[in-house]
């Protein structure tokens, strides 16, 4: 194991709990364990460190004894898609494909392009021009998420123009919308509120889309938003280039703002934001912020 950086987990009104981040030898979940055997923090592959209540943050900061690597028993998803039940769904080269867990192709349905083209035309000439120029991007694997509330897939283009599409598990397109013609796009689902939240880093905006595909709120920013996370209270947390976070409800109304160093990773649980921030070059610090104390 190689120590890569030191992380400081902090809770409001309590002492800091300092642990070391290790680089595990293989991808998977990492668990930080103290010398007394308590699990101090947990991180999924590519996710944020999450401080666990099994460590008393009021005690002296414990030393880390080991890192436990937990593999994914289900294996990785085929083509970077999404797993629904026992089937993996992937959107590549304009087709929605279904795979068994062992990688066997079960079916593949070509998506009709007419709804996508119509959405571009409705968005305007600039969207049409960029769509035609970057049409080869459709051959790439598109990011997807499972909308459990409506039992469908939400797909979107990371590159430009930034479209969002609702697709049935049978490959039927329910709707397409174009929140931005810029790139660096991400989506966060709020299933209980039946809302799709779209973030465009280069478009400097976050768009709140109803489950039926209608835009119900748009927030534009001077600083580029970088990431978006559900806040487990029916809204989202948005982070920005250069630092800072802000919270919004499902309609896009701002609930709070917070000045802090640039956030690298974050997770929200039970009213607490656990954020790994970068206070300076080569430095990482993880802090916990209680939402009820932020305005």
Protein backbone atom coordinates (compact mmCIF):
# COMPACT_ATOMS: atom_id res chain seq x y z
CA UNK A 1 0.00 0.00 0.00
CA UNK A 2 1.17 3.52 -0.76
CA UNK A 3 0.15 6.58 1.24
CA UNK A 4 -1.01 9.19 -1.28
CA UNK A 5 -2.38 11.98 0.91
CA UNK A 6 -3.72 12.86 4.32
CA UNK A 7 -7.43 13.51 4.73
CA UNK A 8 -8.96 15.39 7.65
CA UNK A 9 -12.59 14.61 8.40
CA UNK A 10 -14.29 17.38 10.36
CA UNK A 11 -17.72 17.63 11.93
CA UNK A 12 -19.30 20.82 13.21
CA UNK A 13 -18.54 21.35 16.91
CA UNK A 14 -16.30 18.29 17.14
CA UNK A 15 -12.61 17.55 16.90
CA UNK A 16 -11.04 16.67 13.61
CA UNK A 17 -10.47 13.05 12.78
CA UNK A 18 -7.35 12.60 10.67
CA UNK A 19 -6.72 9.47 8.63
CA UNK A 20 -4.43 8.61 5.75
CA UNK A 21 -5.64 7.81 2.25
CA UNK A 22 -4.02 4.76 0.69
CA UNK A 23 -3.86 3.82 -2.96
CA UNK A 24 -5.25 0.25 -3.15
CA UNK A 25 -3.63 -2.19 -5.59
CA UNK A 26 -6.87 -2.94 -7.46
CA UNK A 27 -10.10 -1.00 -8.16
CA UNK A 28 -12.97 -1.47 -5.74
CA UNK A 29 -14.24 -0.19 -2.45
CA UNK A 30 -11.69 1.07 0.08
CA UNK A 31 -12.24 0.96 3.83
CA UNK A 32 -10.03 2.76 6.35
CA UNK A 33 -9.64 0.77 9.57
CA UNK A 34 -8.17 2.13 12.81
CA UNK A 35 -5.75 0.17 14.97
CA UNK A 36 -8.57 -0.68 17.38
CA UNK A 37 -10.45 -2.33 14.50
CA UNK A 38 -13.10 0.33 13.92
CA UNK A 39 -13.97 1.33 10.36
CA UNK A 40 -13.19 5.03 10.11
CA UNK A 41 -14.29 5.78 6.56
CA UNK A 42 -15.47 4.12 3.39
CA UNK A 43 -15.11 5.00 -0.28
CA UNK A 44 -16.59 3.33 -3.34
CA UNK A 45 -14.57 3.19 -6.55
CA UNK A 46 -14.33 6.73 -7.85
CA UNK A 47 -16.47 8.05 -5.01
CA UNK A 48 -15.87 10.20 -1.95
CA UNK A 49 -14.60 9.19 1.45
CA UNK A 50 -17.49 8.83 3.89
CA UNK A 51 -16.87 9.16 7.63
CA UNK A 52 -18.66 6.47 9.63
CA UNK A 53 -20.21 6.80 13.07
CA UNK A 54 -18.23 3.80 14.35
CA UNK A 55 -15.40 6.22 15.16
CA UNK A 56 -15.83 8.75 17.95
CA UNK A 57 -14.60 12.03 16.46
CA UNK A 58 -14.22 13.43 20.00
CA UNK A 59 -11.43 10.96 20.78
CA UNK A 60 -7.81 11.44 19.84
CA UNK A 61 -7.26 10.94 16.13
CA UNK A 62 -6.60 7.21 15.60
CA UNK A 63 -3.94 5.81 13.32
CA UNK A 64 -4.91 3.77 10.31
CA UNK A 65 -3.91 0.14 10.60
CA UNK A 66 -4.91 -1.16 7.20
CA UNK A 67 -7.01 -0.70 4.11
CA UNK A 68 -9.52 -3.41 3.30
CA UNK A 69 -10.26 -3.82 -0.39
CA UNK A 70 -13.76 -5.09 -1.17
CA UNK A 71 -14.39 -6.32 -4.72
CA UNK A 72 -17.63 -6.00 -6.66
CA UNK A 73 -19.24 -9.43 -6.60
CA UNK A 74 -21.41 -8.53 -9.57
CA UNK A 75 -18.49 -7.49 -11.75
CA UNK A 76 -18.28 -4.38 -13.89
CA UNK A 77 -21.10 -3.39 -16.19
CA UNK A 78 -20.76 -4.07 -19.89
CA UNK A 79 -19.78 -0.98 -21.87
CA UNK A 80 -20.19 1.41 -18.98
CA UNK A 81 -23.95 1.00 -18.90
CA UNK A 82 -26.42 0.48 -16.07
CA UNK A 83 -27.61 -2.72 -14.41
CA UNK A 84 -31.35 -3.24 -14.03
CA UNK A 85 -32.16 -6.48 -12.28
CA UNK A 86 -29.95 -9.12 -13.86
CA UNK A 87 -29.53 -7.31 -17.19
CA UNK A 88 -26.97 -4.67 -18.21
CA UNK A 89 -28.15 -1.91 -20.54
CA UNK A 90 -25.73 0.06 -22.71
CA UNK A 91 -26.31 2.84 -25.26
CA UNK A 92 -23.62 2.66 -27.94
CA UNK A 93 -23.58 3.52 -31.64
CA UNK A 94 -27.18 4.69 -31.48
CA UNK A 95 -28.47 1.35 -30.19
CA UNK A 96 -29.79 0.23 -26.80
CA UNK A 97 -28.20 -3.13 -26.08
CA UNK A 98 -29.01 -5.67 -23.36
CA UNK A 99 -26.35 -7.96 -21.93
CA UNK A 100 -26.36 -10.85 -19.52
CA UNK A 101 -24.00 -10.58 -16.57
CA UNK A 102 -21.50 -12.82 -18.31
CA UNK A 103 -21.34 -10.36 -21.23
CA UNK A 104 -23.58 -12.29 -23.65
CA UNK A 105 -25.54 -9.96 -25.93
CA UNK A 106 -29.25 -10.56 -25.39
CA UNK A 107 -30.69 -7.97 -27.77
CA UNK A 108 -29.94 -4.68 -29.49
CA UNK A 109 -32.45 -2.07 -30.69
CA UNK A 110 -31.46 0.85 -32.92
CA UNK A 111 -32.94 4.07 -31.58
CA UNK A 112 -34.85 6.24 -34.07
CA UNK A 113 -33.04 9.49 -34.80
CA UNK A 114 -36.16 11.52 -35.67
CA UNK A 115 -36.94 12.60 -32.06
CA UNK A 116 -33.33 13.66 -31.52
CA UNK A 117 -33.20 15.62 -34.78
CA UNK A 118 -36.55 17.26 -34.01
CA UNK A 119 -35.26 18.36 -30.58
CA UNK A 120 -32.19 19.92 -32.22
CA UNK A 121 -34.34 21.79 -34.72
CA UNK A 122 -36.55 23.08 -31.95
CA UNK A 123 -33.48 24.23 -30.00
CA UNK A 124 -32.25 26.34 -32.92
CA UNK A 125 -29.73 26.55 -35.79
CA UNK A 126 -26.69 26.46 -33.48
CA UNK A 127 -27.83 23.16 -31.97
CA UNK A 128 -28.48 21.69 -35.43
CA UNK A 129 -25.06 22.79 -36.67
CA UNK A 130 -23.21 21.31 -33.72
CA UNK A 131 -25.25 18.11 -33.83
CA UNK A 132 -24.37 17.59 -37.49
CA UNK A 133 -20.70 18.45 -36.91
CA UNK A 134 -20.35 16.13 -33.93
CA UNK A 135 -22.72 13.39 -35.09
CA UNK A 136 -19.86 10.87 -34.87
CA UNK A 137 -20.10 11.19 -31.07
CA UNK A 138 -23.28 9.13 -31.24
CA UNK A 139 -21.14 6.09 -32.03
CA UNK A 140 -19.56 6.38 -28.60
CA UNK A 141 -21.05 4.91 -25.44
CA UNK A 142 -23.40 7.47 -23.91
CA UNK A 143 -23.78 7.85 -20.14
CA UNK A 144 -27.02 6.42 -18.79
CA UNK A 145 -28.88 6.16 -15.49
CA UNK A 146 -31.87 4.09 -14.40
CA UNK A 147 -35.05 6.01 -13.62
CA UNK A 148 -36.58 3.56 -11.16
CA UNK A 149 -39.74 5.60 -10.65
CA UNK A 150 -40.71 5.29 -14.34
CA UNK A 151 -38.78 2.09 -15.11
CA UNK A 152 -36.82 3.62 -17.95
CA UNK A 153 -33.35 4.85 -18.86
CA UNK A 154 -32.20 8.46 -18.87
CA UNK A 155 -29.35 8.99 -21.36
CA UNK A 156 -27.40 12.14 -22.07
CA UNK A 157 -24.50 13.45 -24.14
CA UNK A 158 -21.40 14.42 -22.20
CA UNK A 159 -20.12 16.24 -25.29
CA UNK A 160 -21.84 18.96 -27.31
CA UNK A 161 -24.63 19.59 -27.97
CA UNK A 162 -25.92 18.54 -24.57
CA UNK A 163 -29.09 16.54 -25.13
CA UNK A 164 -31.03 14.48 -22.57
CA UNK A 165 -33.23 11.54 -23.57
CA UNK A 166 -35.76 9.32 -21.79
CA UNK A 167 -35.75 5.81 -23.27
CA UNK A 168 -38.01 2.88 -22.41
CA UNK A 169 -36.39 -0.47 -21.71
CA UNK A 170 -37.76 -1.58 -25.08
CA UNK A 171 -35.82 1.19 -26.88
CA UNK A 172 -38.79 3.52 -27.43
CA UNK A 173 -37.84 7.18 -27.01
CA UNK A 174 -40.27 9.00 -24.72
CA UNK A 175 -38.79 12.49 -25.07
CA UNK A 176 -35.63 14.41 -25.94
CA UNK A 177 -34.62 17.86 -24.77
CA UNK A 178 -31.54 20.03 -25.35
CA UNK A 179 -30.66 22.02 -22.20
CA UNK A 180 -27.43 23.37 -23.73
CA UNK A 181 -25.36 23.29 -26.89
CA UNK A 182 -22.17 23.22 -24.82
CA UNK A 183 -20.22 20.25 -23.44
CA UNK A 184 -19.10 18.78 -20.08
CA UNK A 185 -22.60 17.60 -19.18
CA UNK A 186 -23.80 15.48 -16.29
CA UNK A 187 -27.18 14.30 -14.98
CA UNK A 188 -28.51 13.66 -11.49
CA UNK A 189 -31.87 11.95 -10.94
CA UNK A 190 -34.32 12.86 -8.20
CA UNK A 191 -36.71 9.89 -8.49
CA UNK A 192 -38.99 10.82 -5.60
CA UNK A 193 -39.56 14.27 -7.12
CA UNK A 194 -39.73 12.85 -10.68
CA UNK A 195 -37.06 15.33 -11.79
CA UNK A 196 -33.95 15.04 -13.97
CA UNK A 197 -31.29 17.62 -13.11
CA UNK A 198 -28.81 18.44 -15.89
CA UNK A 199 -25.50 20.21 -15.26
CA UNK A 200 -23.43 21.79 -18.03
CA UNK A 201 -19.95 22.85 -16.99
CA UNK A 202 -19.14 24.73 -20.21
CA UNK A 203 -22.73 25.97 -20.44
CA UNK A 204 -22.47 27.43 -16.91
CA UNK A 205 -25.94 26.26 -16.02
CA UNK A 206 -28.05 23.69 -14.24
CA UNK A 207 -31.43 22.75 -15.74
CA UNK A 208 -34.29 21.10 -13.85
CA UNK A 209 -36.38 18.85 -16.11
CA UNK A 210 -39.70 17.27 -15.16
CA UNK A 211 -40.32 13.57 -15.62
CA UNK A 212 -42.27 14.43 -18.77
CA UNK A 213 -39.32 16.27 -20.33
CA UNK A 214 -40.45 19.85 -19.65
CA UNK A 215 -37.94 22.42 -18.39
CA UNK A 216 -39.18 23.72 -15.05
CA UNK A 217 -36.17 25.70 -13.91
CA UNK A 218 -32.78 26.96 -15.12
CA UNK A 219 -29.96 28.35 -12.98
CA UNK A 220 -27.13 30.20 -14.74
CA UNK A 221 -23.78 30.94 -13.07
CA UNK A 222 -20.69 33.05 -13.62
CA UNK A 223 -18.45 30.29 -12.30
CA UNK A 224 -18.61 26.94 -14.08
CA UNK A 225 -20.42 24.23 -12.12
CA UNK A 226 -18.36 21.06 -11.87
CA UNK A 227 -20.41 18.36 -10.15
CA UNK A 228 -23.90 17.65 -8.92
CA UNK A 229 -25.09 15.38 -6.10
CA UNK A 230 -28.52 14.52 -4.64
CA UNK A 231 -28.92 16.00 -1.16
CA UNK A 232 -31.25 13.21 0.05
CA UNK A 233 -33.83 15.90 0.88
CA UNK A 234 -35.43 16.30 -2.55
CA UNK A 235 -32.80 18.64 -3.99
CA UNK A 236 -29.23 18.78 -5.23
CA UNK A 237 -25.83 20.08 -4.22
CA UNK A 238 -23.83 21.84 -6.95
CA UNK A 239 -20.07 22.47 -6.75
CA UNK A 240 -18.11 25.07 -8.71
CA UNK A 241 -14.71 25.69 -10.29
CA UNK A 242 -12.53 27.61 -7.86
CA UNK A 243 -14.56 26.53 -4.83
CA UNK A 244 -17.95 26.84 -3.24
CA UNK A 245 -21.16 24.82 -3.13
CA UNK A 246 -24.84 25.65 -3.39
CA UNK A 247 -28.05 23.77 -2.69
CA UNK A 248 -31.22 23.85 -4.83
CA UNK A 249 -34.63 22.27 -4.56
CA UNK A 250 -36.24 20.23 -7.35
CA UNK A 251 -37.57 23.36 -9.05
CA UNK A 252 -34.21 25.15 -9.07
CA UNK A 253 -34.84 27.49 -6.13
CA UNK A 254 -31.60 28.13 -4.25
CA UNK A 255 -31.69 26.96 -0.63
CA UNK A 256 -28.19 27.80 0.59
CA UNK A 257 -24.62 28.64 -0.44
CA UNK A 258 -21.30 27.74 1.17
CA UNK A 259 -17.83 29.19 0.63
CA UNK A 260 -15.17 26.48 0.70
CA UNK A 261 -12.13 25.35 -1.31
CA UNK A 262 -12.75 23.57 -4.59
CA UNK A 263 -14.65 20.34 -4.03
CA UNK A 264 -13.13 17.25 -5.62
CA UNK A 265 -15.68 14.71 -4.38
CA UNK A 266 -18.77 14.84 -2.21
CA UNK A 267 -21.54 12.68 -0.81
CA UNK A 268 -24.61 13.76 1.14
CA UNK A 269 -26.14 11.57 3.81
CA UNK A 270 -28.56 12.27 6.67
CA UNK A 271 -28.23 16.02 6.36
CA UNK A 272 -24.42 16.06 6.24
CA UNK A 273 -22.20 16.85 3.24
CA UNK A 274 -18.95 14.88 3.29
CA UNK A 275 -16.69 16.72 0.86
CA UNK A 276 -13.10 16.15 -0.21
CA UNK A 277 -11.76 19.63 -0.96
CA UNK A 278 -8.48 20.95 -2.35
CA UNK A 279 -7.27 23.91 -0.25
CA UNK A 280 -4.05 24.15 -2.25
CA UNK A 281 -1.84 22.45 -4.86
CA UNK A 282 -1.25 18.81 -3.95
CA UNK A 283 -3.41 19.04 -0.83
CA UNK A 284 -6.66 17.25 -0.04
CA UNK A 285 -8.85 17.78 2.99
CA UNK A 286 -12.19 16.16 3.69
CA UNK A 287 -14.73 18.00 5.81
CA UNK A 288 -18.27 17.36 6.98
CA UNK A 289 -20.82 20.18 6.76
CA UNK A 290 -24.21 19.91 8.45
CA UNK A 291 -26.91 21.28 6.16
CA UNK A 292 -29.02 22.65 9.00
CA UNK A 293 -26.15 25.01 9.91
CA UNK A 294 -25.74 26.35 6.35
CA UNK A 295 -27.75 29.29 5.02
